Amino acid sequence: MTIGRAKKSAKRTGGRRRNYAPAPDQVGYRAKLPTGWANWLGFVLFGIVGIAVIVAAVVYAADARWADAVVAAALGAGMVYMVYLFGTTRLRV
């Protein structure tokens, strides 16, 4: 009787490196796009609202209403950040 490692099976599949490869939706531009329907919904809705609020900030700045322009720009930046979050967050099922 020998002491040590057991014999390795003759059949090997794939190898270890394959398990560490990133998923196809986490590489390139696809990493910045949503994957599930809920993420797409938030991505589109916050995108539309964010664009509208940024346009309102430009209109307020053109009318020299600076307080409103600053608030609208800050809200628009928050909406753009939400679009980023909806785009990059992956649903775990």
C-alpha atoms as a PDB file:
ATOM      1  CA  MET A   1       0.000   0.000   0.000  1.00  0.00           C
ATOM      2  CA  THR A   2       1.413   3.367  -0.982  1.00  0.00           C
ATOM      3  CA  ILE A   3       0.864   6.607   0.828  1.00  0.00           C
ATOM      4  CA  GLY A   4       0.407   9.805  -1.175  1.00  0.00           C
ATOM      5  CA  ARG A   5      -1.847  11.178  -3.830  1.00  0.00           C
ATOM      6  CA  ALA A   6      -4.548   9.147  -5.388  1.00  0.00           C
ATOM      7  CA  LYS A   7      -4.295   8.497  -9.082  1.00  0.00           C
ATOM      8  CA  LYS A   8      -5.817  11.227 -11.206  1.00  0.00           C
ATOM      9  CA  SER A   9      -8.655  10.267 -13.447  1.00  0.00           C
ATOM     10  CA  ALA A  10      -7.838   9.847 -17.100  1.00  0.00           C
ATOM     11  CA  LYS A  11     -10.676  12.096 -18.235  1.00  0.00           C
ATOM     12  CA  ARG A  12     -10.138  15.829 -17.781  1.00  0.00           C
ATOM     13  CA  THR A  13     -12.530  18.465 -19.035  1.00  0.00           C
ATOM     14  CA  GLY A  14     -11.687  22.041 -19.825  1.00  0.00           C
ATOM     15  CA  GLY A  15      -9.101  22.905 -17.271  1.00  0.00           C
ATOM     16  CA  ARG A  16      -8.999  25.405 -14.483  1.00  0.00           C
ATOM     17  CA  ARG A  17      -8.386  28.564 -16.494  1.00  0.00           C
ATOM     18  CA  ARG A  18     -11.784  28.324 -18.194  1.00  0.00           C
ATOM     19  CA  ASN A  19     -13.527  28.825 -14.844  1.00  0.00           C
ATOM     20  CA  TYR A  20     -11.896  32.226 -14.361  1.00  0.00           C
ATOM     21  CA  ALA A  21     -12.854  33.748 -17.707  1.00  0.00           C
ATOM     22  CA  PRO A  22     -15.302  36.677 -17.453  1.00  0.00           C
ATOM     23  CA  ALA A  23     -18.841  36.234 -18.689  1.00  0.00           C
ATOM     24  CA  PRO A  24     -19.506  37.548 -22.205  1.00  0.00           C
ATOM     25  CA  ASP A  25     -21.728  40.351 -20.875  1.00  0.00           C
ATOM     26  CA  GLN A  26     -18.935  41.659 -18.630  1.00  0.00           C
ATOM     27  CA  VAL A  27     -16.448  42.465 -21.389  1.00  0.00           C
ATOM     28  CA  GLY A  28     -16.210  45.576 -23.577  1.00  0.00           C
ATOM     29  CA  TYR A  29     -19.173  47.848 -24.221  1.00  0.00           C
ATOM     30  CA  ARG A  30     -21.610  45.148 -23.064  1.00  0.00           C
ATOM     31  CA  ALA A  31     -20.408  45.710 -19.489  1.00  0.00           C
ATOM     32  CA  LYS A  32     -22.058  49.161 -19.554  1.00  0.00           C
ATOM     33  CA  LEU A  33     -25.436  47.934 -20.822  1.00  0.00           C
ATOM     34  CA  PRO A  34     -28.218  46.422 -18.683  1.00  0.00           C
ATOM     35  CA  THR A  35     -28.980  42.712 -18.749  1.00  0.00           C
ATOM     36  CA  GLY A  36     -32.485  42.236 -17.314  1.00  0.00           C
ATOM     37  CA  TRP A  37     -35.782  43.852 -18.251  1.00  0.00           C
ATOM     38  CA  ALA A  38     -35.962  45.799 -14.972  1.00  0.00           C
ATOM     39  CA  ASN A  39     -32.508  47.253 -15.533  1.00  0.00           C
ATOM     40  CA  TRP A  40     -33.421  48.209 -19.108  1.00  0.00           C
ATOM     41  CA  LEU A  41     -36.586  49.904 -17.855  1.00  0.00           C
ATOM     42  CA  GLY A  42     -34.714  51.966 -15.267  1.00  0.00           C
ATOM     43  CA  PHE A  43     -31.932  52.693 -17.762  1.00  0.00           C
ATOM     44  CA  VAL A  44     -34.377  54.127 -20.316  1.00  0.00           C
ATOM     45  CA  LEU A  45     -36.668  55.976 -17.905  1.00  0.00           C
ATOM     46  CA  PHE A  46     -33.881  57.617 -15.902  1.00  0.00           C
ATOM     47  CA  GLY A  47     -32.132  58.424 -19.193  1.00  0.00           C
ATOM     48  CA  ILE A  48     -35.164  60.265 -20.564  1.00  0.00           C
ATOM     49  CA  VAL A  49     -35.752  62.159 -17.330  1.00  0.00           C
ATOM     50  CA  GLY A  50     -32.041  62.977 -17.001  1.00  0.00           C
ATOM     51  CA  ILE A  51     -31.861  64.404 -20.509  1.00  0.00           C
ATOM     52  CA  ALA A  52     -35.010  66.479 -19.883  1.00  0.00           C
ATOM     53  CA  VAL A  53     -33.631  67.907 -16.640  1.00  0.00           C
ATOM     54  CA  ILE A  54     -30.270  68.757 -18.235  1.00  0.00           C
ATOM     55  CA  VAL A  55     -32.118  70.560 -21.056  1.00  0.00           C
ATOM     56  CA  ALA A  56     -34.077  72.464 -18.404  1.00  0.00           C
ATOM     57  CA  ALA A  57     -30.786  73.456 -16.756  1.00  0.00           C
ATOM     58  CA  VAL A  58     -29.557  74.884 -20.051  1.00  0.00           C
ATOM     59  CA  VAL A  59     -32.825  76.801 -20.514  1.00  0.00           C
ATOM     60  CA  TYR A  60     -32.583  78.215 -16.984  1.00  0.00           C
ATOM     61  CA  ALA A  61     -28.984  79.266 -17.598  1.00  0.00           C
ATOM     62  CA  ALA A  62     -30.014  80.991 -20.842  1.00  0.00           C
ATOM     63  CA  ASP A  63     -32.694  82.926 -18.918  1.00  0.00           C
ATOM     64  CA  ALA A  64     -30.092  83.862 -16.261  1.00  0.00           C
ATOM     65  CA  ARG A  65     -31.994  82.040 -13.515  1.00  0.00           C
ATOM     66  CA  TRP A  66     -28.812  80.706 -11.941  1.00  0.00           C
ATOM     67  CA  ALA A  67     -30.243  79.152  -8.783  1.00  0.00           C
ATOM     68  CA  ASP A  68     -32.662  77.057 -10.821  1.00  0.00           C
ATOM     69  CA  ALA A  69     -29.928  76.175 -13.310  1.00  0.00           C
ATOM     70  CA  VAL A  70     -27.605  74.895 -10.576  1.00  0.00           C
ATOM     71  CA  VAL A  71     -30.322  72.776  -8.964  1.00  0.00           C
ATOM     72  CA  ALA A  72     -31.416  71.352 -12.320  1.00  0.00           C
ATOM     73  CA  ALA A  73     -27.805  70.564 -13.275  1.00  0.00           C
ATOM     74  CA  ALA A  74     -27.251  68.760  -9.959  1.00  0.00           C
ATOM     75  CA  LEU A  75     -30.473  66.777 -10.399  1.00  0.00           C
ATOM     76  CA  GLY A  76     -29.494  65.959 -13.988  1.00  0.00           C
ATOM     77  CA  ALA A  77     -26.110  64.695 -12.813  1.00  0.00           C
ATOM     78  CA  GLY A  78     -27.878  62.487 -10.274  1.00  0.00           C
ATOM     79  CA  MET A  79     -30.099  61.067 -12.990  1.00  0.00           C
ATOM     80  CA  VAL A  80     -27.116  60.342 -15.224  1.00  0.00           C
ATOM     81  CA  TYR A  81     -25.488  58.516 -12.303  1.00  0.00           C
ATOM     82  CA  MET A  82     -28.656  56.432 -11.887  1.00  0.00           C
ATOM     83  CA  VAL A  83     -28.486  55.543 -15.594  1.00  0.00           C
ATOM     84  CA  TYR A  84     -24.911  54.369 -15.028  1.00  0.00           C
ATOM     85  CA  LEU A  85     -25.962  52.278 -12.036  1.00  0.00           C
ATOM     86  CA  PHE A  86     -28.847  50.654 -13.893  1.00  0.00           C
ATOM     87  CA  GLY A  87     -26.513  49.902 -16.781  1.00  0.00           C
ATOM     88  CA  THR A  88     -23.703  48.304 -14.812  1.00  0.00           C
ATOM     89  CA  THR A  89     -25.540  46.498 -12.007  1.00  0.00           C
ATOM     90  CA  ARG A  90     -26.010  42.793 -12.705  1.00  0.00           C
ATOM     91  CA  LEU A  91     -29.121  40.996 -11.468  1.00  0.00           C
ATOM     92  CA  ARG A  92     -28.439  37.897  -9.413  1.00  0.00           C
ATOM     93  CA  VAL A  93     -31.001  35.177  -9.919  1.00  0.00           C
END
